[in-house]
């Protein structure tokens, strides 16, 4: 088995909890995160420990040293930060620990600000994709260019993904259980298949 592995999974901002879950599962399997990233993470094999991983979002940190110390005082070890404001922490897993022990304090105001930017972007993209669905459908039917339905399919996939993400953000803020997400990896695979079909036809 390799001592060091790399992961190229993509996690949209609204799926940060899924990333935490995947990091914890990797730790169970003996791979500990040494560098987290938006598109690229590095793991070191170590079966002697198990960690709980948590992410904190804070784009504007006035005192980085004090910021890390606050979490260290709560038992969280700082790993690294990304360019877009995500910070990776871990704490040794202990049998019998409570749910509160496995969760990190999160700056909700900063998190909501980040979500607010994503909400505006996703809402704009939803309008764009719905418009494309209508336009391509009309063109495909009126001109009998049915290949345009591939573009319709791609637009449906992304508009659905963003719509579900918006709905889940709202439910999360209300403390409600989120519904099924369309993983961005699945959306990309579907779009690639549709593009290949378009090229063949």
Protein backbone atom coordinates (compact mmCIF):
# COMPACT_ATOMS: atom_id res chain seq x y z
CA UNK A 1 0.00 0.00 0.00
CA UNK A 2 1.15 3.53 -0.75
CA UNK A 3 2.32 5.66 2.17
CA UNK A 4 1.05 8.81 0.50
CA UNK A 5 -2.00 9.21 -1.72
CA UNK A 6 -3.62 12.14 -3.48
CA UNK A 7 -7.31 12.84 -3.94
CA UNK A 8 -8.75 15.04 -6.68
CA UNK A 9 -12.35 15.08 -5.48
CA UNK A 10 -14.23 18.34 -5.90
CA UNK A 11 -16.53 19.59 -3.17
CA UNK A 12 -18.78 22.56 -3.86
CA UNK A 13 -19.00 25.07 -1.02
CA UNK A 14 -22.46 23.81 -0.08
CA UNK A 15 -21.11 20.26 0.43
CA UNK A 16 -18.39 21.01 3.00
CA UNK A 17 -20.05 18.60 5.47
CA UNK A 18 -19.70 15.82 2.89
CA UNK A 19 -15.97 16.59 2.68
CA UNK A 20 -15.70 16.32 6.48
CA UNK A 21 -17.46 12.97 6.34
CA UNK A 22 -15.11 11.67 3.63
CA UNK A 23 -12.04 12.83 5.58
CA UNK A 24 -13.26 10.99 8.68
CA UNK A 25 -13.86 7.83 6.65
CA UNK A 26 -10.34 8.06 5.19
CA UNK A 27 -8.96 8.34 8.73
CA UNK A 28 -10.83 5.16 9.68
CA UNK A 29 -9.01 3.43 6.81
CA UNK A 30 -5.61 4.68 8.00
CA UNK A 31 -5.10 7.66 5.70
CA UNK A 32 -4.63 10.95 7.53
CA UNK A 33 -4.98 14.31 5.83
CA UNK A 34 -1.77 16.35 5.64
CA UNK A 35 -2.95 18.97 3.13
CA UNK A 36 -6.54 19.82 2.24
CA UNK A 37 -7.53 21.66 -0.89
CA UNK A 38 -10.41 22.67 -3.14
CA UNK A 39 -9.38 20.31 -5.93
CA UNK A 40 -6.41 18.42 -4.51
CA UNK A 41 -5.80 16.82 -1.10
CA UNK A 42 -2.86 14.78 0.20
CA UNK A 43 -3.08 11.91 2.69
CA UNK A 44 -0.33 10.12 4.64
CA UNK A 45 -0.81 6.51 5.70
CA UNK A 46 -0.84 6.12 9.50
CA UNK A 47 -2.80 3.31 11.15
CA UNK A 48 -1.73 4.25 14.67
CA UNK A 49 -4.20 7.16 15.03
CA UNK A 50 -7.71 8.17 14.11
CA UNK A 51 -8.94 11.74 13.78
CA UNK A 52 -12.13 13.72 13.53
CA UNK A 53 -11.79 16.34 10.81
CA UNK A 54 -13.64 19.63 10.64
CA UNK A 55 -13.61 22.62 8.32
CA UNK A 56 -14.04 26.23 9.33
CA UNK A 57 -14.82 29.01 6.90
CA UNK A 58 -13.38 32.45 7.56
CA UNK A 59 -12.22 34.61 4.69
CA UNK A 60 -11.09 37.59 6.77
CA UNK A 61 -8.77 36.73 9.68
CA UNK A 62 -7.19 39.75 11.35
CA UNK A 63 -4.84 37.73 13.57
CA UNK A 64 -3.96 34.32 12.04
CA UNK A 65 -1.82 33.29 15.03
CA UNK A 66 -4.59 33.98 17.54
CA UNK A 67 -7.14 32.35 15.22
CA UNK A 68 -5.22 29.06 15.34
CA UNK A 69 -4.60 29.35 19.08
CA UNK A 70 -8.34 29.59 19.79
CA UNK A 71 -8.91 26.21 18.14
CA UNK A 72 -5.79 24.67 19.68
CA UNK A 73 -7.10 25.59 23.11
CA UNK A 74 -10.17 23.51 22.29
CA UNK A 75 -8.00 20.56 21.25
CA UNK A 76 -8.08 21.11 17.50
CA UNK A 77 -4.87 20.76 15.49
CA UNK A 78 -4.51 23.12 12.55
CA UNK A 79 -3.60 21.46 9.22
CA UNK A 80 -3.74 24.12 6.52
CA UNK A 81 -5.88 26.74 4.79
CA UNK A 82 -7.03 27.27 1.21
CA UNK A 83 -6.95 30.44 -0.85
CA UNK A 84 -10.76 30.83 -0.67
CA UNK A 85 -11.14 30.84 3.11
CA UNK A 86 -11.48 27.19 4.18
CA UNK A 87 -9.39 26.00 7.15
CA UNK A 88 -8.76 22.35 7.99
CA UNK A 89 -8.56 21.09 11.59
CA UNK A 90 -8.41 17.71 13.27
CA UNK A 91 -8.74 16.24 16.74
CA UNK A 92 -7.76 12.79 17.98
CA UNK A 93 -10.76 10.47 18.13
CA UNK A 94 -11.65 9.14 21.57
CA UNK A 95 -14.11 6.40 22.44
CA UNK A 96 -17.27 7.65 24.06
CA UNK A 97 -16.88 11.26 23.01
CA UNK A 98 -20.02 13.33 22.55
CA UNK A 99 -21.24 14.88 19.31
CA UNK A 100 -20.15 18.31 20.57
CA UNK A 101 -16.59 16.99 20.93
CA UNK A 102 -16.52 16.09 17.23
CA UNK A 103 -17.79 19.45 16.00
CA UNK A 104 -15.76 22.59 15.71
CA UNK A 105 -16.99 26.06 16.46
CA UNK A 106 -17.88 27.67 13.15
CA UNK A 107 -18.11 31.37 12.44
CA UNK A 108 -21.72 31.25 11.21
CA UNK A 109 -21.71 34.86 10.12
CA UNK A 110 -18.76 34.25 7.79
CA UNK A 111 -20.32 30.99 6.63
CA UNK A 112 -23.62 32.72 5.87
CA UNK A 113 -21.77 35.48 4.01
CA UNK A 114 -20.07 32.84 1.87
CA UNK A 115 -23.39 31.08 1.29
CA UNK A 116 -24.94 34.42 0.38
CA UNK A 117 -22.41 34.92 -2.41
CA UNK A 118 -23.05 31.38 -3.66
CA UNK A 119 -26.83 31.90 -3.47
CA UNK A 120 -26.60 34.98 -5.72
CA UNK A 121 -24.33 33.17 -8.19
CA UNK A 122 -26.44 30.00 -8.26
CA UNK A 123 -29.68 31.94 -8.63
CA UNK A 124 -28.23 33.76 -11.63
CA UNK A 125 -27.02 30.47 -13.15
CA UNK A 126 -30.43 28.86 -12.62
CA UNK A 127 -32.08 31.69 -14.56
CA UNK A 128 -29.46 31.31 -17.31
CA UNK A 129 -29.89 27.53 -17.60
CA UNK A 130 -33.71 27.70 -17.54
CA UNK A 131 -33.54 30.29 -20.33
CA UNK A 132 -31.22 27.97 -22.28
CA UNK A 133 -33.62 25.05 -21.77
CA UNK A 134 -36.48 27.06 -23.23
CA UNK A 135 -34.46 28.50 -26.14
CA UNK A 136 -32.80 25.20 -27.12
CA UNK A 137 -36.08 23.30 -26.86
CA UNK A 138 -37.85 25.80 -29.14
CA UNK A 139 -34.95 25.75 -31.64
CA UNK A 140 -34.73 21.95 -31.61
CA UNK A 141 -38.44 21.53 -32.32
CA UNK A 142 -38.92 24.39 -34.78
CA UNK A 143 -35.76 23.59 -36.82
CA UNK A 144 -35.91 19.83 -36.23
CA UNK A 145 -32.35 19.94 -34.94
CA UNK A 146 -32.85 17.35 -32.23
CA UNK A 147 -29.15 17.32 -31.40
CA UNK A 148 -29.90 20.51 -29.44
CA UNK A 149 -31.66 18.35 -26.86
CA UNK A 150 -28.15 17.43 -25.66
CA UNK A 151 -27.72 21.08 -24.65
CA UNK A 152 -31.16 20.93 -23.05
CA UNK A 153 -30.06 17.89 -21.04
CA UNK A 154 -26.86 19.59 -19.84
CA UNK A 155 -28.83 22.68 -18.82
CA UNK A 156 -31.33 20.54 -16.91
CA UNK A 157 -28.54 18.75 -15.00
CA UNK A 158 -26.86 21.97 -13.83
CA UNK A 159 -30.07 23.89 -13.12
CA UNK A 160 -31.28 20.93 -11.05
CA UNK A 161 -27.98 20.72 -9.15
CA UNK A 162 -28.01 24.43 -8.27
CA UNK A 163 -31.72 24.39 -7.37
CA UNK A 164 -31.26 21.47 -4.97
CA UNK A 165 -28.19 23.15 -3.46
CA UNK A 166 -30.17 26.34 -2.80
CA UNK A 167 -32.98 24.34 -1.22
CA UNK A 168 -30.51 22.46 1.00
CA UNK A 169 -28.80 25.66 2.15
CA UNK A 170 -32.19 27.02 3.22
CA UNK A 171 -33.07 23.79 5.05
CA UNK A 172 -29.66 23.71 6.73
CA UNK A 173 -30.13 27.20 8.11
CA UNK A 174 -33.51 26.14 9.49
CA UNK A 175 -31.94 23.13 11.21
CA UNK A 176 -33.79 20.70 8.94
CA UNK A 177 -32.43 17.58 7.28
CA UNK A 178 -31.11 18.13 3.79
CA UNK A 179 -32.47 16.26 0.80
CA UNK A 180 -30.40 14.38 -1.77
CA UNK A 181 -27.70 16.38 -3.53
CA UNK A 182 -26.56 15.90 -7.10
CA UNK A 183 -22.77 15.45 -6.63
CA UNK A 184 -20.79 17.73 -8.92
CA UNK A 185 -18.75 14.70 -10.07
CA UNK A 186 -21.96 12.98 -11.22
CA UNK A 187 -23.11 16.14 -12.99
CA UNK A 188 -19.79 16.37 -14.83
CA UNK A 189 -19.92 12.70 -15.88
CA UNK A 190 -23.46 13.08 -17.23
CA UNK A 191 -22.45 16.18 -19.19
CA UNK A 192 -19.37 14.47 -20.64
CA UNK A 193 -21.52 11.52 -21.77
CA UNK A 194 -24.02 13.90 -23.37
CA UNK A 195 -21.21 15.77 -25.16
CA UNK A 196 -19.78 12.49 -26.46
CA UNK A 197 -23.22 11.52 -27.73
CA UNK A 198 -23.48 14.91 -29.45
CA UNK A 199 -20.08 14.41 -31.12
CA UNK A 200 -21.02 10.92 -32.33
CA UNK A 201 -24.32 12.07 -33.74
